[in-house]
N, C-alpha and C. Protein backbone atom coordinates (compact mmCIF):
# COMPACT_ATOMS: atom_id res chain seq x y z
N VAL A 1 23.21 -18.10 -7.13
CA VAL A 1 21.83 -18.28 -7.54
C VAL A 1 21.09 -18.93 -6.36
N ASN A 2 19.96 -18.32 -6.01
CA ASN A 2 19.11 -18.85 -4.93
C ASN A 2 17.86 -19.47 -5.54
N TRP A 3 17.69 -20.74 -5.38
CA TRP A 3 16.49 -21.41 -5.91
C TRP A 3 15.62 -21.73 -4.69
N ASN A 4 14.35 -21.30 -4.73
CA ASN A 4 13.42 -21.57 -3.65
C ASN A 4 13.86 -21.06 -2.29
N LYS A 5 14.66 -20.03 -2.32
CA LYS A 5 15.10 -19.38 -1.09
C LYS A 5 14.91 -17.89 -1.20
N PRO A 6 14.47 -17.22 -0.11
CA PRO A 6 14.26 -15.77 -0.22
C PRO A 6 15.58 -15.03 -0.24
N LEU A 7 15.60 -13.90 -0.91
CA LEU A 7 16.75 -13.01 -0.85
C LEU A 7 16.53 -12.04 0.33
N THR A 8 17.18 -12.24 1.42
CA THR A 8 17.02 -11.33 2.55
C THR A 8 18.07 -10.23 2.49
N GLY A 9 17.60 -9.03 2.82
CA GLY A 9 18.52 -7.91 2.75
C GLY A 9 18.61 -7.38 1.32
N ALA A 10 19.56 -6.57 1.06
CA ALA A 10 19.74 -5.99 -0.29
C ALA A 10 20.82 -6.75 -1.02
N ALA A 11 20.40 -7.63 -1.86
CA ALA A 11 21.38 -8.44 -2.64
C ALA A 11 21.71 -7.67 -3.94
N SER A 12 22.94 -7.44 -4.18
CA SER A 12 23.34 -6.72 -5.39
C SER A 12 23.12 -7.52 -6.65
N SER A 13 22.97 -8.83 -6.49
CA SER A 13 22.74 -9.69 -7.68
C SER A 13 21.29 -9.70 -8.09
N ALA A 14 20.38 -9.22 -7.25
CA ALA A 14 18.93 -9.20 -7.57
C ALA A 14 18.58 -8.03 -8.50
N PRO A 15 17.77 -8.23 -9.51
CA PRO A 15 17.39 -7.11 -10.40
C PRO A 15 16.49 -6.14 -9.65
N PHE A 16 16.84 -4.85 -9.69
CA PHE A 16 16.00 -3.82 -9.05
C PHE A 16 16.36 -2.48 -9.63
N GLY A 17 15.41 -1.89 -10.26
CA GLY A 17 15.57 -0.49 -10.72
C GLY A 17 16.36 -0.31 -12.01
N GLY A 18 16.91 -1.37 -12.58
CA GLY A 18 17.67 -1.23 -13.79
C GLY A 18 16.79 -1.29 -15.02
N VAL A 19 17.30 -0.82 -16.15
CA VAL A 19 16.56 -0.83 -17.37
C VAL A 19 16.38 -2.29 -17.82
N GLY A 20 15.14 -2.76 -17.94
CA GLY A 20 14.82 -4.08 -18.37
C GLY A 20 15.11 -5.17 -17.36
N ALA A 21 15.53 -4.83 -16.18
CA ALA A 21 15.83 -5.85 -15.18
C ALA A 21 14.84 -5.82 -14.02
N SER A 22 13.76 -5.07 -14.12
CA SER A 22 12.86 -4.91 -13.02
C SER A 22 11.53 -5.71 -13.18
N GLY A 23 11.35 -6.40 -14.23
CA GLY A 23 10.14 -7.18 -14.38
C GLY A 23 9.18 -6.60 -15.38
N ASN A 24 8.46 -5.54 -15.04
CA ASN A 24 7.42 -4.99 -15.87
C ASN A 24 7.92 -3.87 -16.80
N HIS A 25 9.14 -3.92 -17.22
CA HIS A 25 9.75 -2.96 -18.12
C HIS A 25 9.72 -1.54 -17.58
N ARG A 26 9.88 -1.43 -16.28
CA ARG A 26 9.94 -0.11 -15.64
C ARG A 26 10.79 -0.24 -14.37
N ALA A 27 11.34 0.85 -13.94
CA ALA A 27 12.12 0.87 -12.70
C ALA A 27 11.18 0.70 -11.52
N SER A 28 11.42 -0.31 -10.68
CA SER A 28 10.50 -0.65 -9.60
C SER A 28 10.47 0.44 -8.54
N ALA A 29 11.61 0.92 -8.12
CA ALA A 29 11.63 1.85 -6.98
C ALA A 29 10.88 3.14 -7.31
N TYR A 30 10.87 3.57 -8.52
CA TYR A 30 10.21 4.81 -8.89
C TYR A 30 8.69 4.71 -8.69
N TYR A 31 8.12 3.54 -8.98
CA TYR A 31 6.69 3.31 -8.89
C TYR A 31 6.24 2.60 -7.61
N ALA A 32 7.15 2.38 -6.68
CA ALA A 32 6.81 1.60 -5.47
C ALA A 32 5.71 2.31 -4.65
N ALA A 33 5.73 3.62 -4.58
CA ALA A 33 4.71 4.30 -3.80
C ALA A 33 3.31 4.11 -4.40
N ASP A 34 3.23 3.87 -5.72
CA ASP A 34 1.92 3.69 -6.35
C ASP A 34 1.27 2.34 -5.98
N TYR A 35 2.06 1.29 -5.83
CA TYR A 35 1.43 0.02 -5.53
C TYR A 35 1.62 -0.43 -4.09
N CYS A 36 2.31 0.33 -3.29
CA CYS A 36 2.46 -0.01 -1.86
C CYS A 36 1.68 0.91 -0.94
N ALA A 37 0.91 1.84 -1.49
CA ALA A 37 0.14 2.75 -0.66
C ALA A 37 -1.26 2.88 -1.19
N TYR A 38 -2.13 3.34 -0.36
CA TYR A 38 -3.52 3.57 -0.77
C TYR A 38 -4.00 4.91 -0.10
N PRO A 39 -4.91 5.61 -0.77
CA PRO A 39 -5.36 6.89 -0.23
C PRO A 39 -6.22 6.70 0.99
N VAL A 40 -6.05 7.57 1.96
CA VAL A 40 -6.85 7.53 3.18
C VAL A 40 -7.30 8.96 3.48
N ALA A 41 -8.58 9.06 3.83
CA ALA A 41 -9.14 10.36 4.16
C ALA A 41 -9.79 10.27 5.54
N SER A 42 -9.76 11.34 6.32
CA SER A 42 -10.37 11.36 7.63
C SER A 42 -10.94 12.75 7.90
N LEU A 43 -11.95 12.78 8.76
CA LEU A 43 -12.54 14.05 9.18
C LEU A 43 -12.35 14.15 10.69
N GLU A 44 -12.15 15.36 11.17
CA GLU A 44 -11.98 15.57 12.59
C GLU A 44 -13.04 16.58 13.09
N ALA A 45 -13.67 16.25 14.21
CA ALA A 45 -14.68 17.15 14.78
C ALA A 45 -14.27 17.45 16.24
N GLY A 46 -14.64 18.60 16.70
CA GLY A 46 -14.35 19.00 18.08
C GLY A 46 -15.19 18.29 19.11
N ARG A 47 -16.41 17.86 18.70
CA ARG A 47 -17.34 17.22 19.60
C ARG A 47 -18.02 16.04 18.93
N LEU A 48 -18.24 14.97 19.63
CA LEU A 48 -18.89 13.79 19.10
C LEU A 48 -20.41 13.93 19.18
N THR A 49 -21.13 13.81 18.07
CA THR A 49 -22.58 13.86 18.04
C THR A 49 -23.09 12.77 17.12
N LEU A 50 -24.30 12.31 17.40
CA LEU A 50 -24.94 11.33 16.55
C LEU A 50 -25.50 12.01 15.31
N PRO A 51 -25.50 11.32 14.19
CA PRO A 51 -26.06 11.94 12.95
C PRO A 51 -27.59 11.97 13.06
N ALA A 52 -28.22 12.82 12.25
CA ALA A 52 -29.70 12.96 12.30
C ALA A 52 -30.37 11.66 11.95
N THR A 53 -29.87 10.93 10.95
CA THR A 53 -30.44 9.61 10.58
C THR A 53 -29.30 8.62 10.57
N LEU A 54 -29.57 7.46 11.14
CA LEU A 54 -28.57 6.39 11.18
C LEU A 54 -28.62 5.55 9.92
N THR A 55 -27.57 4.89 9.64
CA THR A 55 -27.50 3.97 8.47
C THR A 55 -28.51 2.85 8.67
N PRO A 56 -29.28 2.49 7.64
CA PRO A 56 -30.26 1.42 7.79
C PRO A 56 -29.62 0.14 8.32
N GLY A 57 -30.30 -0.47 9.27
CA GLY A 57 -29.80 -1.72 9.84
C GLY A 57 -29.04 -1.53 11.12
N ILE A 58 -28.73 -0.28 11.50
CA ILE A 58 -27.97 -0.01 12.72
C ILE A 58 -28.93 0.47 13.81
N ARG A 59 -28.95 -0.21 14.94
CA ARG A 59 -29.81 0.16 16.05
C ARG A 59 -28.92 0.42 17.28
N LEU A 60 -29.14 1.50 17.93
CA LEU A 60 -28.43 1.81 19.19
C LEU A 60 -29.43 1.62 20.31
N SER A 61 -29.25 0.55 21.07
CA SER A 61 -30.15 0.32 22.17
C SER A 61 -29.40 -0.17 23.40
């Protein structure tokens, strides 16, 4: 039993992925991608150009 000490590495005594042993009544590894990732989108253009209207408050001088 580790009190106030981190479990480093993969400890077989730590609850992970088992039925009722993962905390929120679900297997943790199955849902890990849902709470450890966030969606990212990007656009790519062949040439850099300024937009027709700039966002209010932005001045290029």
